[in-house]
Amino acid sequence: MAEFGDAFFLGDWVDVVVLRTADGHTTTVSGNILVDLCDEGPPGPDLLSELMDSTVRLTAGEGCSLFVRDSLRAIPVPALFAASPWLAASRPVIVRDGSGLVGGLLVRYSDATGLRIADPEADRDVNQDQDG
């Protein structure tokens, strides 16, 4: 790992699949295929492709704190993801109109800027520094 600058250790990441919800329907961010997270069967080829295209790997130390990583890991893996070896460790992040709450974290997604997750621990540190 030294040749890669020790950027991360095995397990220092979490994969999230970014989904959009509107009008009671959940879809991938990259397409229009409906997603049923409770479906216990594996996703078909088209849905799997879109779910993989909607996946973001968040790596601790590269804009993702350990608190955020651990908070996301605490989210249960939905049945649909558990039924697929490609998605079995992925967590869903669902946004409505570009934002949402996931595992107590504020998330934002836009096609232009991608995924942003607010770290309340970092915000608390900044606020304490400003107050003191």
N, C-alpha and C. Protein backbone atom coordinates (compact mmCIF):
# COMPACT_ATOMS: atom_id res chain seq x y z
N MET A 1 0.81 -1.20 0.00
CA MET A 1 0.00 0.00 0.00
C MET A 1 0.85 1.26 0.00
N ALA A 2 2.11 1.15 0.41
CA ALA A 2 2.97 2.32 0.48
C ALA A 2 3.12 2.97 -0.89
N GLU A 3 3.10 2.15 -1.96
CA GLU A 3 3.24 2.75 -3.29
C GLU A 3 2.05 3.61 -3.66
N PHE A 4 0.97 3.49 -2.94
CA PHE A 4 -0.21 4.32 -3.19
C PHE A 4 -0.31 5.45 -2.17
N GLY A 5 0.72 5.67 -1.41
CA GLY A 5 0.73 6.76 -0.44
C GLY A 5 -0.09 6.48 0.80
N ASP A 6 -0.41 5.21 1.04
CA ASP A 6 -1.23 4.85 2.21
C ASP A 6 -2.49 5.72 2.30
N ALA A 7 -3.11 5.98 1.15
CA ALA A 7 -4.29 6.84 1.11
C ALA A 7 -5.44 6.26 1.93
N PHE A 8 -5.56 4.93 1.95
CA PHE A 8 -6.60 4.32 2.77
C PHE A 8 -6.22 2.89 3.05
N PHE A 9 -6.80 2.36 4.09
CA PHE A 9 -6.60 0.97 4.44
C PHE A 9 -7.86 0.22 4.04
N LEU A 10 -7.71 -1.07 3.82
CA LEU A 10 -8.85 -1.89 3.47
C LEU A 10 -9.98 -1.66 4.47
N GLY A 11 -11.13 -1.34 3.97
CA GLY A 11 -12.28 -1.11 4.83
C GLY A 11 -12.49 0.34 5.24
N ASP A 12 -11.66 1.26 4.77
CA ASP A 12 -11.81 2.66 5.12
C ASP A 12 -12.77 3.40 4.18
N TRP A 13 -13.70 2.69 3.62
CA TRP A 13 -14.65 3.32 2.73
C TRP A 13 -16.04 2.73 2.95
N VAL A 14 -16.99 3.40 2.35
CA VAL A 14 -18.36 2.88 2.29
C VAL A 14 -18.90 3.26 0.91
N ASP A 15 -19.58 2.33 0.27
CA ASP A 15 -20.21 2.59 -1.01
C ASP A 15 -21.66 2.98 -0.76
N VAL A 16 -22.08 4.07 -1.39
CA VAL A 16 -23.47 4.49 -1.31
C VAL A 16 -24.04 4.58 -2.71
N VAL A 17 -25.30 4.24 -2.83
CA VAL A 17 -26.01 4.34 -4.10
C VAL A 17 -26.97 5.52 -3.96
N VAL A 18 -26.75 6.54 -4.77
CA VAL A 18 -27.56 7.75 -4.70
C VAL A 18 -28.83 7.54 -5.53
N LEU A 19 -29.96 7.75 -4.87
CA LEU A 19 -31.27 7.58 -5.50
C LEU A 19 -32.07 8.86 -5.35
N ARG A 20 -33.02 9.04 -6.24
CA ARG A 20 -33.94 10.19 -6.16
C ARG A 20 -35.34 9.68 -5.89
N THR A 21 -36.09 10.47 -5.14
CA THR A 21 -37.50 10.14 -4.92
C THR A 21 -38.34 11.36 -5.27
N ALA A 22 -39.45 11.08 -5.95
CA ALA A 22 -40.41 12.13 -6.31
C ALA A 22 -41.74 11.45 -6.60
N ASP A 23 -42.80 12.07 -6.18
CA ASP A 23 -44.15 11.55 -6.42
C ASP A 23 -44.32 10.10 -5.97
N GLY A 24 -43.65 9.73 -4.87
CA GLY A 24 -43.79 8.39 -4.34
C GLY A 24 -43.00 7.33 -5.08
N HIS A 25 -42.16 7.74 -6.02
CA HIS A 25 -41.35 6.79 -6.79
C HIS A 25 -39.88 7.05 -6.55
N THR A 26 -39.11 5.98 -6.44
CA THR A 26 -37.67 6.09 -6.26
C THR A 26 -37.00 5.59 -7.53
N THR A 27 -36.03 6.38 -8.03
CA THR A 27 -35.28 6.02 -9.23
C THR A 27 -33.79 6.24 -8.97
N THR A 28 -32.97 5.71 -9.86
CA THR A 28 -31.55 6.00 -9.80
C THR A 28 -31.33 7.44 -10.26
N VAL A 29 -30.18 8.02 -9.92
CA VAL A 29 -29.91 9.38 -10.39
C VAL A 29 -29.50 9.39 -11.84
N SER A 30 -29.07 8.25 -12.35
CA SER A 30 -28.59 8.21 -13.73
C SER A 30 -29.66 7.78 -14.73
N GLY A 31 -30.87 7.52 -14.27
CA GLY A 31 -31.89 7.07 -15.20
C GLY A 31 -33.28 7.16 -14.66
N ASN A 32 -34.17 6.45 -15.32
CA ASN A 32 -35.59 6.51 -14.98
C ASN A 32 -36.16 5.17 -14.55
N ILE A 33 -35.31 4.20 -14.24
CA ILE A 33 -35.79 2.89 -13.81
C ILE A 33 -36.22 2.98 -12.35
N LEU A 34 -37.43 2.50 -12.07
CA LEU A 34 -37.93 2.49 -10.70
C LEU A 34 -37.13 1.51 -9.85
N VAL A 35 -36.91 1.88 -8.59
CA VAL A 35 -36.14 1.08 -7.66
C VAL A 35 -37.03 0.72 -6.48
N ASP A 36 -37.15 -0.59 -6.21
CA ASP A 36 -37.87 -1.07 -5.04
C ASP A 36 -36.85 -1.69 -4.10
N LEU A 37 -36.43 -0.93 -3.09
CA LEU A 37 -35.39 -1.39 -2.17
C LEU A 37 -35.81 -2.61 -1.36
N CYS A 38 -37.12 -2.87 -1.28
CA CYS A 38 -37.62 -4.02 -0.52
C CYS A 38 -37.66 -5.31 -1.34
N ASP A 39 -37.44 -5.20 -2.65
CA ASP A 39 -37.44 -6.37 -3.52
C ASP A 39 -36.34 -7.32 -3.06
N GLU A 40 -36.70 -8.57 -2.79
CA GLU A 40 -35.73 -9.53 -2.27
C GLU A 40 -34.95 -10.26 -3.35
N GLY A 41 -35.33 -10.06 -4.61
CA GLY A 41 -34.59 -10.67 -5.71
C GLY A 41 -33.49 -9.74 -6.19
N PRO A 42 -32.51 -10.30 -6.88
CA PRO A 42 -31.43 -9.44 -7.39
C PRO A 42 -31.94 -8.52 -8.50
N PRO A 43 -31.34 -7.35 -8.63
CA PRO A 43 -31.78 -6.44 -9.70
C PRO A 43 -31.45 -7.03 -11.07
N GLY A 44 -32.32 -6.76 -12.03
CA GLY A 44 -32.07 -7.19 -13.40
C GLY A 44 -30.89 -6.43 -13.99
N PRO A 45 -30.41 -6.84 -15.16
CA PRO A 45 -29.20 -6.23 -15.74
C PRO A 45 -29.29 -4.72 -15.95
N ASP A 46 -30.42 -4.22 -16.44
CA ASP A 46 -30.54 -2.78 -16.68
C ASP A 46 -30.53 -1.99 -15.37
N LEU A 47 -31.29 -2.48 -14.38
CA LEU A 47 -31.32 -1.81 -13.08
C LEU A 47 -29.97 -1.90 -12.41
N LEU A 48 -29.33 -3.05 -12.44
CA LEU A 48 -28.00 -3.20 -11.83
C LEU A 48 -27.02 -2.22 -12.45
N SER A 49 -27.05 -2.08 -13.76
CA SER A 49 -26.15 -1.14 -14.44
C SER A 49 -26.38 0.29 -13.95
N GLU A 50 -27.65 0.68 -13.83
CA GLU A 50 -27.94 2.04 -13.35
C GLU A 50 -27.59 2.21 -11.88
N LEU A 51 -27.80 1.19 -11.07
CA LEU A 51 -27.43 1.29 -9.66
C LEU A 51 -25.91 1.42 -9.52
N MET A 52 -25.16 0.67 -10.31
CA MET A 52 -23.71 0.78 -10.27
C MET A 52 -23.25 2.16 -10.74
N ASP A 53 -23.92 2.71 -11.77
CA ASP A 53 -23.59 4.06 -12.25
C ASP A 53 -23.92 5.13 -11.22
N SER A 54 -24.82 4.81 -10.28
CA SER A 54 -25.24 5.76 -9.24
C SER A 54 -24.48 5.56 -7.94
N THR A 55 -23.47 4.68 -7.96
CA THR A 55 -22.70 4.37 -6.75
C THR A 55 -21.52 5.31 -6.58
N VAL A 56 -21.34 5.76 -5.35
CA VAL A 56 -20.22 6.63 -4.99
C VAL A 56 -19.47 5.94 -3.86
N ARG A 57 -18.16 5.82 -4.01
CA ARG A 57 -17.33 5.27 -2.93
C ARG A 57 -16.78 6.44 -2.12
N LEU A 58 -17.14 6.47 -0.85
CA LEU A 58 -16.66 7.50 0.05
C LEU A 58 -15.52 6.92 0.87
N THR A 59 -14.37 7.54 0.76
CA THR A 59 -13.16 7.05 1.41
C THR A 59 -12.81 7.93 2.59
N ALA A 60 -12.58 7.32 3.74
CA ALA A 60 -12.18 8.07 4.93
C ALA A 60 -10.87 8.79 4.64
N GLY A 61 -10.80 10.04 5.03
CA GLY A 61 -9.59 10.83 4.84
C GLY A 61 -9.56 11.59 3.53
N GLU A 62 -10.49 11.31 2.62
CA GLU A 62 -10.55 12.03 1.35
C GLU A 62 -11.90 12.74 1.26
N GLY A 63 -12.16 13.62 2.18
CA GLY A 63 -13.42 14.35 2.18
C GLY A 63 -14.54 13.64 2.92
N CYS A 64 -14.24 12.52 3.53
CA CYS A 64 -15.24 11.76 4.28
C CYS A 64 -14.65 11.43 5.64
N SER A 65 -15.20 11.99 6.69
CA SER A 65 -14.68 11.73 8.03
C SER A 65 -15.07 10.32 8.48
N LEU A 66 -14.38 9.84 9.48
CA LEU A 66 -14.73 8.54 10.04
C LEU A 66 -16.15 8.54 10.61
N PHE A 67 -16.57 9.69 11.17
CA PHE A 67 -17.92 9.81 11.70
C PHE A 67 -18.95 9.60 10.58
N VAL A 68 -18.74 10.26 9.44
CA VAL A 68 -19.66 10.12 8.31
C VAL A 68 -19.65 8.68 7.81
N ARG A 69 -18.46 8.12 7.63
CA ARG A 69 -18.35 6.73 7.16
C ARG A 69 -19.10 5.79 8.09
N ASP A 70 -18.87 5.91 9.39
CA ASP A 70 -19.51 5.02 10.35
C ASP A 70 -21.02 5.24 10.41
N SER A 71 -21.46 6.49 10.27
CA SER A 71 -22.90 6.78 10.25
C SER A 71 -23.56 6.14 9.04
N LEU A 72 -22.89 6.19 7.90
CA LEU A 72 -23.44 5.57 6.70
C LEU A 72 -23.42 4.05 6.80
N ARG A 73 -22.38 3.50 7.39
CA ARG A 73 -22.31 2.05 7.57
C ARG A 73 -23.40 1.53 8.49
N ALA A 74 -23.90 2.36 9.37
CA ALA A 74 -24.95 1.95 10.31
C ALA A 74 -26.31 1.82 9.62
N ILE A 75 -26.44 2.34 8.41
CA ILE A 75 -27.69 2.23 7.66
C ILE A 75 -27.82 0.78 7.18
N PRO A 76 -28.96 0.15 7.39
CA PRO A 76 -29.13 -1.23 6.94
C PRO A 76 -29.02 -1.35 5.42
N VAL A 77 -28.45 -2.46 4.98
CA VAL A 77 -28.39 -2.76 3.55
C VAL A 77 -29.78 -3.23 3.13
N PRO A 78 -30.39 -2.58 2.14
CA PRO A 78 -31.74 -3.00 1.73
C PRO A 78 -31.72 -4.37 1.05
N ALA A 79 -32.86 -5.04 1.06
CA ALA A 79 -32.98 -6.38 0.50
C ALA A 79 -32.51 -6.44 -0.95
N LEU A 80 -32.88 -5.45 -1.75
CA LEU A 80 -32.48 -5.41 -3.16
C LEU A 80 -30.97 -5.44 -3.32
N PHE A 81 -30.26 -4.68 -2.49
CA PHE A 81 -28.80 -4.64 -2.57
C PHE A 81 -28.20 -5.94 -2.03
N ALA A 82 -28.76 -6.46 -0.95
CA ALA A 82 -28.23 -7.69 -0.34
C ALA A 82 -28.32 -8.88 -1.29
N ALA A 83 -29.27 -8.83 -2.23
CA ALA A 83 -29.45 -9.93 -3.17
C ALA A 83 -28.44 -9.89 -4.32
N SER A 84 -27.60 -8.87 -4.36
CA SER A 84 -26.62 -8.74 -5.44
C SER A 84 -25.20 -8.72 -4.87
N PRO A 85 -24.31 -9.57 -5.39
CA PRO A 85 -22.93 -9.53 -4.89
C PRO A 85 -22.24 -8.20 -5.18
N TRP A 86 -22.69 -7.47 -6.18
CA TRP A 86 -22.09 -6.17 -6.53
C TRP A 86 -22.51 -5.07 -5.56
N LEU A 87 -23.66 -5.23 -4.92
CA LEU A 87 -24.22 -4.16 -4.08
C LEU A 87 -24.37 -4.57 -2.62
N ALA A 88 -23.94 -5.77 -2.26
CA ALA A 88 -24.23 -6.35 -0.95
C ALA A 88 -23.75 -5.52 0.24
N ALA A 89 -22.79 -4.64 0.03
CA ALA A 89 -22.29 -3.81 1.13
C ALA A 89 -22.64 -2.33 0.94
N SER A 90 -23.47 -2.03 -0.06
CA SER A 90 -23.81 -0.64 -0.37
C SER A 90 -24.99 -0.17 0.46
N ARG A 91 -25.00 1.12 0.73
CA ARG A 91 -26.09 1.74 1.48
C ARG A 91 -26.80 2.73 0.57
N PRO A 92 -28.13 2.87 0.70
CA PRO A 92 -28.85 3.83 -0.11
C PRO A 92 -28.77 5.24 0.47
N VAL A 93 -28.64 6.21 -0.40
CA VAL A 93 -28.74 7.62 -0.04
C VAL A 93 -29.83 8.18 -0.94
N ILE A 94 -30.94 8.58 -0.35
CA ILE A 94 -32.10 9.02 -1.12
C ILE A 94 -32.30 10.52 -0.94
N VAL A 95 -32.41 11.22 -2.07
CA VAL A 95 -32.62 12.66 -2.02
C VAL A 95 -33.93 13.01 -2.71
N ARG A 96 -34.54 14.06 -2.21
CA ARG A 96 -35.73 14.64 -2.83
C ARG A 96 -35.39 16.10 -3.10
N ASP A 97 -35.57 16.52 -4.34
CA ASP A 97 -35.23 17.89 -4.73
C ASP A 97 -33.78 18.23 -4.36
N GLY A 98 -32.90 17.25 -4.47
CA GLY A 98 -31.48 17.49 -4.26
C GLY A 98 -30.96 17.37 -2.85
N SER A 99 -31.83 17.10 -1.86
CA SER A 99 -31.32 16.96 -0.50
C SER A 99 -32.11 15.92 0.28
N GLY A 100 -31.53 15.48 1.38
CA GLY A 100 -32.19 14.50 2.22
C GLY A 100 -31.43 14.29 3.52
N LEU A 101 -32.02 13.51 4.39
CA LEU A 101 -31.39 13.11 5.65
C LEU A 101 -31.16 11.61 5.60
N VAL A 102 -29.94 11.21 5.87
CA VAL A 102 -29.58 9.80 5.84
C VAL A 102 -28.72 9.51 7.06
N GLY A 103 -29.17 8.64 7.92
CA GLY A 103 -28.39 8.29 9.11
C GLY A 103 -28.04 9.49 9.95
N GLY A 104 -28.94 10.48 10.00
CA GLY A 104 -28.70 11.69 10.78
C GLY A 104 -27.80 12.70 10.08
N LEU A 105 -27.42 12.43 8.84
CA LEU A 105 -26.54 13.32 8.08
C LEU A 105 -27.34 14.05 7.00
N LEU A 106 -27.03 15.31 6.79
CA LEU A 106 -27.64 16.06 5.71
C LEU A 106 -26.86 15.77 4.43
N VAL A 107 -27.57 15.28 3.41
CA VAL A 107 -26.92 14.98 2.14
C VAL A 107 -27.51 15.87 1.05
N ARG A 108 -26.67 16.20 0.10
CA ARG A 108 -27.09 16.98 -1.07
C ARG A 108 -26.51 16.32 -2.30
N TYR A 109 -27.29 16.31 -3.37
CA TYR A 109 -26.80 15.76 -4.62
C TYR A 109 -27.27 16.64 -5.76
N SER A 110 -26.35 16.91 -6.67
CA SER A 110 -26.70 17.59 -7.91
C SER A 110 -25.91 16.94 -9.03
N ASP A 111 -26.48 16.94 -10.21
CA ASP A 111 -25.79 16.36 -11.36
C ASP A 111 -24.51 17.13 -11.66
N ALA A 112 -24.48 18.41 -11.32
CA ALA A 112 -23.31 19.25 -11.62
C ALA A 112 -22.18 19.09 -10.59
N THR A 113 -22.53 19.03 -9.31
CA THR A 113 -21.48 19.01 -8.27
C THR A 113 -21.34 17.67 -7.57
N GLY A 114 -22.26 16.75 -7.80
CA GLY A 114 -22.15 15.43 -7.20
C GLY A 114 -22.72 15.37 -5.80
N LEU A 115 -22.20 14.44 -5.01
CA LEU A 115 -22.70 14.17 -3.67
C LEU A 115 -21.92 14.96 -2.63
N ARG A 116 -22.64 15.60 -1.72
CA ARG A 116 -22.05 16.31 -0.58
C ARG A 116 -22.75 15.83 0.67
N ILE A 117 -21.97 15.55 1.70
CA ILE A 117 -22.53 15.09 2.98
C ILE A 117 -21.99 15.98 4.07
N ALA A 118 -22.90 16.60 4.83
CA ALA A 118 -22.50 17.47 5.93
C ALA A 118 -22.07 16.61 7.11
N ASP A 119 -20.93 16.95 7.68
CA ASP A 119 -20.40 16.25 8.85
C ASP A 119 -20.71 17.08 10.08
N PRO A 120 -21.71 16.67 10.89
CA PRO A 120 -22.07 17.48 12.05
C PRO A 120 -20.93 17.61 13.06
N GLU A 121 -20.04 16.62 13.12
CA GLU A 121 -18.90 16.73 14.05
C GLU A 121 -17.96 17.84 13.61
N ALA A 122 -17.70 17.94 12.30
CA ALA A 122 -16.83 18.99 11.80
C ALA A 122 -17.50 20.35 11.99
N ASP A 123 -18.81 20.41 11.74
CA ASP A 123 -19.54 21.66 11.92
C ASP A 123 -19.49 22.09 13.38
N ARG A 124 -19.60 21.13 14.31
CA ARG A 124 -19.54 21.45 15.74
C ARG A 124 -18.17 22.02 16.09
N ASP A 125 -17.11 21.41 15.54
CA ASP A 125 -15.75 21.91 15.80
C ASP A 125 -15.58 23.33 15.27
N VAL A 126 -16.12 23.60 14.07
CA VAL A 126 -16.01 24.94 13.49
C VAL A 126 -16.79 25.93 14.34
N ASN A 127 -18.00 25.55 14.75
CA ASN A 127 -18.82 26.46 15.56
C ASN A 127 -18.17 26.73 16.91
N GLN A 128 -17.53 25.71 17.52
CA GLN A 128 -16.87 25.93 18.80
C GLN A 128 -15.67 26.84 18.63
N ASP A 129 -14.94 26.70 17.51
CA ASP A 129 -13.80 27.55 17.26
C ASP A 129 -14.25 29.00 17.07
N GLN A 130 -15.38 29.20 16.42
CA GLN A 130 -15.86 30.55 16.18
C GLN A 130 -16.37 31.19 17.46
N ASP A 131 -16.94 30.38 18.34
CA ASP A 131 -17.48 30.92 19.59
C ASP A 131 -16.41 31.23 20.61
N GLY A 132 -15.29 30.54 20.52
CA GLY A 132 -14.32 30.67 21.58
C GLY A 132 -13.14 31.40 21.14
